[in-house]
Amino acid sequence: GVIGFHMQIYNRWGELLFDTVDNSKGWDGYYKGRICPPDVYIYKIDFKFIDGREVMKFGDIALIR
């Protein structure tokens, strides 16, 4: 029942690296055509459900090469 989706990935300085509303797309670890270094990155995902509920999830992910 998800009718809305918005995902963002940020680096440790708050710079937006990835932004999508397509739930079939994921972040591939690239920014502006260049591979990102191994580090900890922040994700924020907003969901909107068919029943009107809105949920925001956020946390961190480790990019390992």
N, C-alpha and C. Protein backbone atom coordinates (compact mmCIF):
# COMPACT_ATOMS: atom_id res chain seq x y z
N GLY A 1 0.75 -1.20 0.00
CA GLY A 1 0.00 0.00 0.00
C GLY A 1 0.81 1.28 0.00
N VAL A 2 2.04 1.30 -0.53
CA VAL A 2 2.82 2.55 -0.62
C VAL A 2 2.44 3.29 -1.90
N ILE A 3 2.02 4.54 -1.74
CA ILE A 3 1.66 5.35 -2.92
C ILE A 3 2.62 6.51 -3.14
N GLY A 4 3.49 6.76 -2.18
CA GLY A 4 4.48 7.82 -2.31
C GLY A 4 5.79 7.41 -1.69
N PHE A 5 6.89 7.79 -2.34
CA PHE A 5 8.22 7.37 -1.89
C PHE A 5 9.20 8.48 -2.25
N HIS A 6 10.10 8.80 -1.33
CA HIS A 6 11.14 9.80 -1.59
C HIS A 6 12.37 9.40 -0.77
N MET A 7 13.49 9.14 -1.47
CA MET A 7 14.72 8.75 -0.78
C MET A 7 15.83 9.73 -1.10
N GLN A 8 16.60 10.08 -0.07
CA GLN A 8 17.74 10.99 -0.22
C GLN A 8 18.94 10.39 0.51
N ILE A 9 20.13 10.60 -0.06
CA ILE A 9 21.39 10.18 0.54
C ILE A 9 22.27 11.41 0.70
N TYR A 10 22.85 11.59 1.89
CA TYR A 10 23.70 12.73 2.20
C TYR A 10 25.08 12.26 2.66
N ASN A 11 26.08 13.09 2.44
CA ASN A 11 27.39 12.79 3.02
C ASN A 11 27.45 13.38 4.43
N ARG A 12 28.58 13.23 5.11
CA ARG A 12 28.69 13.67 6.50
C ARG A 12 28.65 15.18 6.67
N TRP A 13 28.79 15.93 5.57
CA TRP A 13 28.73 17.39 5.62
C TRP A 13 27.36 17.92 5.21
N GLY A 14 26.41 17.00 5.01
CA GLY A 14 25.05 17.41 4.68
C GLY A 14 24.81 17.68 3.21
N GLU A 15 25.75 17.33 2.37
CA GLU A 15 25.59 17.55 0.93
C GLU A 15 24.73 16.43 0.34
N LEU A 16 23.69 16.80 -0.40
CA LEU A 16 22.80 15.83 -1.02
C LEU A 16 23.52 15.15 -2.18
N LEU A 17 23.65 13.82 -2.11
CA LEU A 17 24.35 13.06 -3.14
C LEU A 17 23.40 12.33 -4.08
N PHE A 18 22.23 11.95 -3.58
CA PHE A 18 21.28 11.16 -4.37
C PHE A 18 19.88 11.50 -3.93
N ASP A 19 18.97 11.59 -4.90
CA ASP A 19 17.59 11.96 -4.64
C ASP A 19 16.70 11.25 -5.64
N THR A 20 15.69 10.51 -5.18
CA THR A 20 14.78 9.83 -6.10
C THR A 20 13.39 9.71 -5.49
N VAL A 21 12.41 9.65 -6.36
CA VAL A 21 11.04 9.33 -5.96
C VAL A 21 10.61 8.00 -6.60
N ASP A 22 11.53 7.35 -7.26
CA ASP A 22 11.28 6.05 -7.92
C ASP A 22 11.75 4.94 -6.99
N ASN A 23 10.81 4.18 -6.45
CA ASN A 23 11.18 3.16 -5.47
C ASN A 23 11.88 1.95 -6.10
N SER A 24 12.04 1.93 -7.41
CA SER A 24 12.78 0.85 -8.05
C SER A 24 14.25 1.24 -8.28
N LYS A 25 14.61 2.48 -7.95
CA LYS A 25 15.99 2.94 -8.10
C LYS A 25 16.67 3.01 -6.74
N GLY A 26 17.89 2.54 -6.69
CA GLY A 26 18.69 2.63 -5.48
C GLY A 26 19.97 3.40 -5.76
N TRP A 27 20.62 3.81 -4.71
CA TRP A 27 21.88 4.54 -4.85
C TRP A 27 22.99 3.56 -5.21
N ASP A 28 23.79 3.88 -6.22
CA ASP A 28 24.86 2.99 -6.67
C ASP A 28 26.23 3.38 -6.11
N GLY A 29 26.29 4.36 -5.22
CA GLY A 29 27.56 4.77 -4.63
C GLY A 29 28.31 5.81 -5.44
N TYR A 30 27.66 6.36 -6.47
CA TYR A 30 28.28 7.38 -7.31
C TYR A 30 27.65 8.74 -7.04
N TYR A 31 28.43 9.79 -7.27
CA TYR A 31 27.95 11.17 -7.19
C TYR A 31 28.62 11.96 -8.31
N LYS A 32 27.81 12.56 -9.15
CA LYS A 32 28.29 13.33 -10.30
C LYS A 32 29.25 12.51 -11.17
N GLY A 33 28.90 11.23 -11.37
CA GLY A 33 29.68 10.36 -12.23
C GLY A 33 30.96 9.80 -11.63
N ARG A 34 31.22 10.12 -10.37
CA ARG A 34 32.44 9.63 -9.71
C ARG A 34 32.06 8.76 -8.53
N ILE A 35 32.86 7.72 -8.32
CA ILE A 35 32.61 6.81 -7.22
C ILE A 35 32.90 7.51 -5.88
N CYS A 36 32.02 7.32 -4.93
CA CYS A 36 32.20 7.92 -3.60
C CYS A 36 33.18 7.09 -2.78
N PRO A 37 33.94 7.73 -1.92
CA PRO A 37 34.89 6.99 -1.08
C PRO A 37 34.17 6.18 0.00
N PRO A 38 34.82 5.13 0.48
CA PRO A 38 34.24 4.40 1.62
C PRO A 38 34.05 5.36 2.79
N ASP A 39 32.88 5.37 3.35
CA ASP A 39 32.56 6.29 4.44
C ASP A 39 31.18 5.93 4.97
N VAL A 40 30.70 6.69 5.93
CA VAL A 40 29.35 6.55 6.45
C VAL A 40 28.50 7.65 5.83
N TYR A 41 27.35 7.27 5.30
CA TYR A 41 26.43 8.19 4.64
C TYR A 41 25.08 8.13 5.34
N ILE A 42 24.31 9.18 5.20
CA ILE A 42 23.01 9.28 5.86
C ILE A 42 21.91 9.09 4.82
N TYR A 43 20.90 8.28 5.17
CA TYR A 43 19.74 8.15 4.29
C TYR A 43 18.50 8.71 4.98
N LYS A 44 17.58 9.19 4.16
CA LYS A 44 16.27 9.65 4.63
C LYS A 44 15.25 9.16 3.61
N ILE A 45 14.26 8.42 4.09
CA ILE A 45 13.22 7.89 3.21
C ILE A 45 11.86 8.27 3.76
N ASP A 46 11.05 8.87 2.90
CA ASP A 46 9.67 9.23 3.25
C ASP A 46 8.72 8.31 2.49
N PHE A 47 7.75 7.75 3.21
CA PHE A 47 6.73 6.89 2.61
C PHE A 47 5.37 7.52 2.84
N LYS A 48 4.49 7.38 1.84
CA LYS A 48 3.09 7.74 2.02
C LYS A 48 2.28 6.51 1.65
N PHE A 49 1.37 6.14 2.56
CA PHE A 49 0.59 4.93 2.38
C PHE A 49 -0.82 5.24 1.89
N ILE A 50 -1.45 4.23 1.33
CA ILE A 50 -2.78 4.38 0.76
C ILE A 50 -3.81 4.85 1.80
N ASP A 51 -3.58 4.52 3.07
CA ASP A 51 -4.52 4.92 4.12
C ASP A 51 -4.25 6.34 4.64
N GLY A 52 -3.28 7.05 4.01
CA GLY A 52 -3.00 8.44 4.39
C GLY A 52 -1.85 8.61 5.35
N ARG A 53 -1.38 7.51 5.95
CA ARG A 53 -0.25 7.61 6.88
C ARG A 53 1.01 8.02 6.14
N GLU A 54 1.84 8.82 6.81
CA GLU A 54 3.15 9.20 6.28
C GLU A 54 4.21 8.82 7.31
N VAL A 55 5.26 8.16 6.84
CA VAL A 55 6.32 7.67 7.72
C VAL A 55 7.66 8.13 7.17
N MET A 56 8.53 8.62 8.07
CA MET A 56 9.88 9.01 7.68
C MET A 56 10.87 8.10 8.41
N LYS A 57 11.78 7.52 7.66
CA LYS A 57 12.85 6.70 8.22
C LYS A 57 14.18 7.34 7.88
N PHE A 58 15.10 7.32 8.82
CA PHE A 58 16.43 7.85 8.55
C PHE A 58 17.45 7.07 9.38
N GLY A 59 18.68 7.11 8.89
CA GLY A 59 19.75 6.40 9.58
C GLY A 59 21.04 6.55 8.79
N ASP A 60 21.97 5.67 9.07
CA ASP A 60 23.24 5.76 8.37
C ASP A 60 23.57 4.42 7.73
N ILE A 61 24.36 4.49 6.67
CA ILE A 61 24.84 3.32 5.96
C ILE A 61 26.34 3.46 5.74
N ALA A 62 27.03 2.33 5.77
CA ALA A 62 28.47 2.33 5.52
C ALA A 62 28.69 1.87 4.08
N LEU A 63 29.37 2.71 3.31
CA LEU A 63 29.74 2.35 1.95
C LEU A 63 31.12 1.72 2.02
N ILE A 64 31.21 0.46 1.61
CA ILE A 64 32.46 -0.30 1.68
C ILE A 64 32.85 -0.70 0.27
N ARG A 65 34.08 -0.51 -0.06
CA ARG A 65 34.58 -0.89 -1.40
C ARG A 65 35.51 -2.07 -1.29
